[in-house]
Protein backbone atom coordinates (compact mmCIF):
# COMPACT_ATOMS: atom_id res chain seq x y z
CA UNK A 1 152.91 112.19 43.76
CA UNK A 2 150.55 113.52 46.41
CA UNK A 3 149.30 111.27 49.17
CA UNK A 4 145.78 111.35 47.69
CA UNK A 5 147.06 109.80 44.44
CA UNK A 6 149.13 107.04 46.08
CA UNK A 7 147.37 103.66 45.69
CA UNK A 8 145.93 102.48 49.02
CA UNK A 9 147.70 99.64 50.75
CA UNK A 10 145.76 96.37 50.81
CA UNK A 11 146.66 95.86 54.50
CA UNK A 12 145.63 97.62 57.69
CA UNK A 13 148.96 97.07 59.49
CA UNK A 14 152.53 95.97 58.74
CA UNK A 15 154.38 93.74 61.23
CA UNK A 16 158.16 93.64 60.85
CA UNK A 17 160.66 91.12 62.09
CA UNK A 18 163.83 92.87 63.29
CA UNK A 19 167.02 90.86 62.73
CA UNK A 20 167.80 90.53 59.04
CA UNK A 21 164.78 92.64 58.04
CA UNK A 22 165.42 96.01 59.67
CA UNK A 23 169.00 95.58 60.89
CA UNK A 24 172.01 93.61 59.63
CA UNK A 25 172.65 91.99 62.98
CA UNK A 26 173.00 88.28 62.27
CA UNK A 27 176.75 88.20 61.40
CA UNK A 28 177.56 90.22 64.53
CA UNK A 29 175.37 88.16 66.84
CA UNK A 30 176.62 84.84 65.52
CA UNK A 31 180.28 85.81 65.75
CA UNK A 32 179.77 86.46 69.47
CA UNK A 33 177.67 83.31 69.89
CA UNK A 34 180.32 81.14 68.25
CA UNK A 35 182.96 82.48 70.65
CA UNK A 36 180.72 81.67 73.62
CA UNK A 37 179.90 78.18 72.36
CA UNK A 38 183.54 77.40 71.67
CA UNK A 39 184.32 78.29 75.28
CA UNK A 40 181.83 75.55 76.22
CA UNK A 41 183.61 73.06 73.93
CA UNK A 42 181.48 73.16 70.77
CA UNK A 43 183.81 73.69 67.79
CA UNK A 44 181.09 75.30 65.66
CA UNK A 45 181.80 77.65 62.76
CA UNK A 46 179.97 80.90 62.07
CA UNK A 47 178.35 79.39 58.96
CA UNK A 48 177.15 76.41 60.98
CA UNK A 49 175.82 78.68 63.72
CA UNK A 50 173.87 80.65 61.11
CA UNK A 51 172.25 77.44 59.88
CA UNK A 52 171.31 76.31 63.39
CA UNK A 53 170.34 79.52 65.20
CA UNK A 54 169.10 82.09 62.67
CA UNK A 55 165.52 83.06 63.45
CA UNK A 56 165.57 81.28 66.82
CA UNK A 57 166.10 82.35 70.39
CA UNK A 58 169.34 80.92 71.80
CA UNK A 59 167.57 80.05 75.06
CA UNK A 60 165.18 77.81 73.10
CA UNK A 61 168.15 75.77 71.84
CA UNK A 62 169.44 74.98 75.34
CA UNK A 63 168.94 71.23 74.87
CA UNK A 64 170.95 71.20 71.64
CA UNK A 65 173.74 73.12 73.34
CA UNK A 66 173.69 70.56 76.15
CA UNK A 67 173.92 67.71 73.63
CA UNK A 68 176.92 69.30 71.94
CA UNK A 69 178.79 70.47 75.05
CA UNK A 70 177.51 68.58 78.05
CA UNK A 71 176.77 71.96 79.66
CA UNK A 72 173.32 73.16 80.60
CA UNK A 73 173.30 76.88 79.99
CA UNK A 74 171.71 78.96 82.72
CA UNK A 75 170.56 82.55 83.11
CA UNK A 76 174.06 83.67 84.07
CA UNK A 77 175.46 82.25 80.81
CA UNK A 78 172.68 83.89 78.81
CA UNK A 79 173.20 87.22 80.57
CA UNK A 80 176.92 87.14 79.71
CA UNK A 81 176.23 86.23 76.08
CA UNK A 82 173.57 88.95 75.76
CA UNK A 83 175.89 91.57 77.30
CA UNK A 84 178.78 90.72 74.94
CA UNK A 85 176.42 90.58 71.98
CA UNK A 86 174.89 93.95 72.84
CA UNK A 87 178.33 95.56 73.17
CA UNK A 88 179.23 94.35 69.67
CA UNK A 89 175.89 95.48 68.22
CA UNK A 90 176.25 98.93 69.79
CA UNK A 91 179.63 99.31 68.07
CA UNK A 92 178.98 97.76 64.67
CA UNK A 93 175.29 97.52 63.77
CA UNK A 94 173.91 99.10 60.60
CA UNK A 95 170.44 99.09 59.06
CA UNK A 96 169.44 96.83 56.20
CA UNK A 97 169.81 98.99 53.06
CA UNK A 98 166.54 100.77 52.36
CA UNK A 99 164.87 99.69 55.60
CA UNK A 100 164.77 103.07 57.34
CA UNK A 101 163.20 104.79 54.36
CA UNK A 102 160.69 101.97 53.82
CA UNK A 103 159.59 101.98 57.46
CA UNK A 104 159.18 105.75 57.50
CA UNK A 105 157.07 105.65 54.34
CA UNK A 106 154.83 102.85 55.64
CA UNK A 107 154.48 104.48 59.07
CA UNK A 108 153.20 107.58 57.28
CA UNK A 109 150.90 105.66 54.93
CA UNK A 110 149.29 103.67 57.76
CA UNK A 111 149.11 106.43 60.37
CA UNK A 112 151.53 104.55 62.62
CA UNK A 113 149.92 101.10 62.39
CA UNK A 114 153.21 99.24 62.21
CA UNK A 115 154.91 97.03 64.79
CA UNK A 116 158.17 95.19 65.33
CA UNK A 117 157.58 91.56 66.35
CA UNK A 118 160.86 89.80 67.06
CA UNK A 119 161.93 86.50 68.53
CA UNK A 120 164.78 88.31 70.29
CA UNK A 121 164.80 89.75 73.79
CA UNK A 122 163.38 93.26 74.19
CA UNK A 123 166.69 94.86 75.22
CA UNK A 124 168.29 93.71 71.99
CA UNK A 125 165.39 94.86 69.83
CA UNK A 126 165.23 98.31 71.42
CA UNK A 127 169.01 98.75 71.29
CA UNK A 128 169.06 97.87 67.61
CA UNK A 129 166.13 100.08 66.61
CA UNK A 130 167.68 103.01 68.50
CA UNK A 131 171.06 102.42 66.86
CA UNK A 132 169.63 102.77 63.33
CA UNK A 133 167.16 105.57 64.11
CA UNK A 134 163.93 103.57 64.04
CA UNK A 135 163.00 103.35 67.72
CA UNK A 136 160.69 106.36 67.67
CA UNK A 137 158.66 104.86 64.82
CA UNK A 138 158.03 101.65 66.77
CA UNK A 139 157.77 103.13 70.28
CA UNK A 140 155.02 101.33 72.18
CA UNK A 141 154.65 98.76 69.40
CA UNK A 142 157.60 96.43 70.05
CA UNK A 143 156.89 92.78 70.81
CA UNK A 144 159.36 90.13 71.94
CA UNK A 145 159.01 86.38 71.68
CA UNK A 146 160.66 86.21 75.10
CA UNK A 147 157.48 87.75 76.51
CA UNK A 148 154.96 85.42 74.86
CA UNK A 149 154.15 81.83 75.84
CA UNK A 150 155.96 80.53 72.73
CA UNK A 151 158.45 82.16 70.41
CA UNK A 152 158.76 81.76 66.64
CA UNK A 153 158.03 79.51 64.71
CA UNK A 154 154.83 79.71 66.79
CA UNK A 155 152.54 82.65 65.94
CA UNK A 156 152.22 84.13 69.44
CA UNK A 157 154.35 87.27 68.96
CA UNK A 158 152.56 88.18 65.72
CA UNK A 159 149.16 87.57 67.26
CA UNK A 160 150.11 89.81 70.20
CA UNK A 161 151.22 92.58 67.83
CA UNK A 162 148.06 92.41 65.72
CA UNK A 163 145.84 92.44 68.82
CA UNK A 164 147.65 95.46 70.25
CA UNK A 165 147.15 97.35 66.99
CA UNK A 166 143.48 96.39 66.92
CA UNK A 167 143.86 94.73 63.51
CA UNK A 168 142.80 91.20 62.54
CA UNK A 169 145.86 89.10 61.64
CA UNK A 170 144.32 88.44 58.23
CA UNK A 171 144.54 92.18 57.53
CA UNK A 172 148.25 92.31 58.44
CA UNK A 173 151.31 91.96 56.25
CA UNK A 174 154.31 90.33 57.92
CA UNK A 175 157.84 91.01 56.66
CA UNK A 176 160.25 88.17 57.42
CA UNK A 177 163.55 86.83 56.13
CA UNK A 178 163.78 83.36 57.69
CA UNK A 179 161.84 80.14 57.46
CA UNK A 180 161.28 80.21 61.22
CA UNK A 181 159.76 83.68 61.13
CA UNK A 182 157.77 83.12 57.97
CA UNK A 183 156.27 80.00 59.52
CA UNK A 184 155.16 82.10 62.51
CA UNK A 185 153.57 84.74 60.30
CA UNK A 186 151.69 82.18 58.23
CA UNK A 187 150.47 80.42 61.39
CA UNK A 188 149.15 83.77 62.65
CA UNK A 189 147.01 84.08 59.51
CA UNK A 190 148.89 87.06 58.06
CA UNK A 191 150.19 87.51 54.52
CA UNK A 192 153.94 86.98 54.67
CA UNK A 193 156.34 88.88 52.43
CA UNK A 194 159.72 87.16 52.39
CA UNK A 195 162.79 89.36 52.20
CA UNK A 196 165.44 87.24 50.49
CA UNK A 197 168.45 89.26 49.33
CA UNK A 198 170.84 86.31 49.35
CA UNK A 199 173.85 85.93 51.58
CA UNK A 200 174.27 84.46 55.05
CA UNK A 201 171.54 84.84 57.62
CA UNK A 202 168.64 85.02 55.17
CA UNK A 203 166.56 82.06 53.98
CA UNK A 204 166.36 81.52 50.25
CA UNK A 205 163.32 82.51 48.22
CA UNK A 206 162.20 78.94 47.54
CA UNK A 207 162.50 77.97 51.20
CA UNK A 208 160.36 80.94 52.24
CA UNK A 209 157.72 80.15 49.61
CA UNK A 210 157.72 76.50 50.69
CA UNK A 211 156.54 77.41 54.22
CA UNK A 212 153.79 79.70 52.98
CA UNK A 213 155.25 83.11 52.21
CA UNK A 214 152.98 84.76 49.65
CA UNK A 215 155.87 86.22 47.67
CA UNK A 216 159.50 87.21 48.06
CA UNK A 217 161.53 90.31 47.21
CA UNK A 218 165.20 91.24 47.42
CA UNK A 219 165.29 95.04 47.90
CA UNK A 220 163.93 96.51 51.12
CA UNK A 221 163.69 99.94 49.52
CA UNK A 222 160.96 98.54 47.26
CA UNK A 223 158.80 97.18 50.10
CA UNK A 224 156.16 99.96 49.96
CA UNK A 225 155.71 99.33 46.23
CA UNK A 226 155.66 95.55 46.72
CA UNK A 227 152.91 95.88 49.33
CA UNK A 228 150.88 98.41 47.33
CA UNK A 229 151.00 96.22 44.25
CA UNK A 230 150.12 92.96 46.00
CA UNK A 231 147.97 91.01 43.53
CA UNK A 232 146.44 88.80 46.23
CA UNK A 233 144.34 91.59 47.67
């Protein structure tokens, strides 16, 4: 099918979360996090850590960590955790199946009007995108919740991404896989597409719909078709 016969997308820009949407990082990150928290005295399991921390910045949960361990984490603790996490990601990270192809197709369809808007720190996001071969497609359009006044579930990082692309949030599609991230996308005024393939680290379809996701899907390879066929346009 030639480009001229491909149905136009009903959005002017696509804003992607990173962890769990583009890369399968959550099991790796939470394995390292659990080891760090156990050193502080919190006997948390990886499943429990997924339930507590997925979609959130660890630094934003400092008070909870203090409640559970009696320790107030500081920048030195965070730096050590981030370094150990990044070492594991550099060794083990893979892309979400179908994500690389979907991003390349949408980058082409929208003349580059895509962005990655993550709650994670910029070093992690850039490392991960480089590891799976996506960094060049998002170069100059990477946004971190660590660099906005508030991280997800607040809309700040998505609003920053839309503004930088020169697109009204209402003309953006957001691709998210957690309740925290979907809540941020909805609050920004975007149309949220919930990626819900099942398994640990991803919110269920009903939970995503309950916080305002417009629809859900379970195969990232189908994202361009899901967006093109969006009935709400």
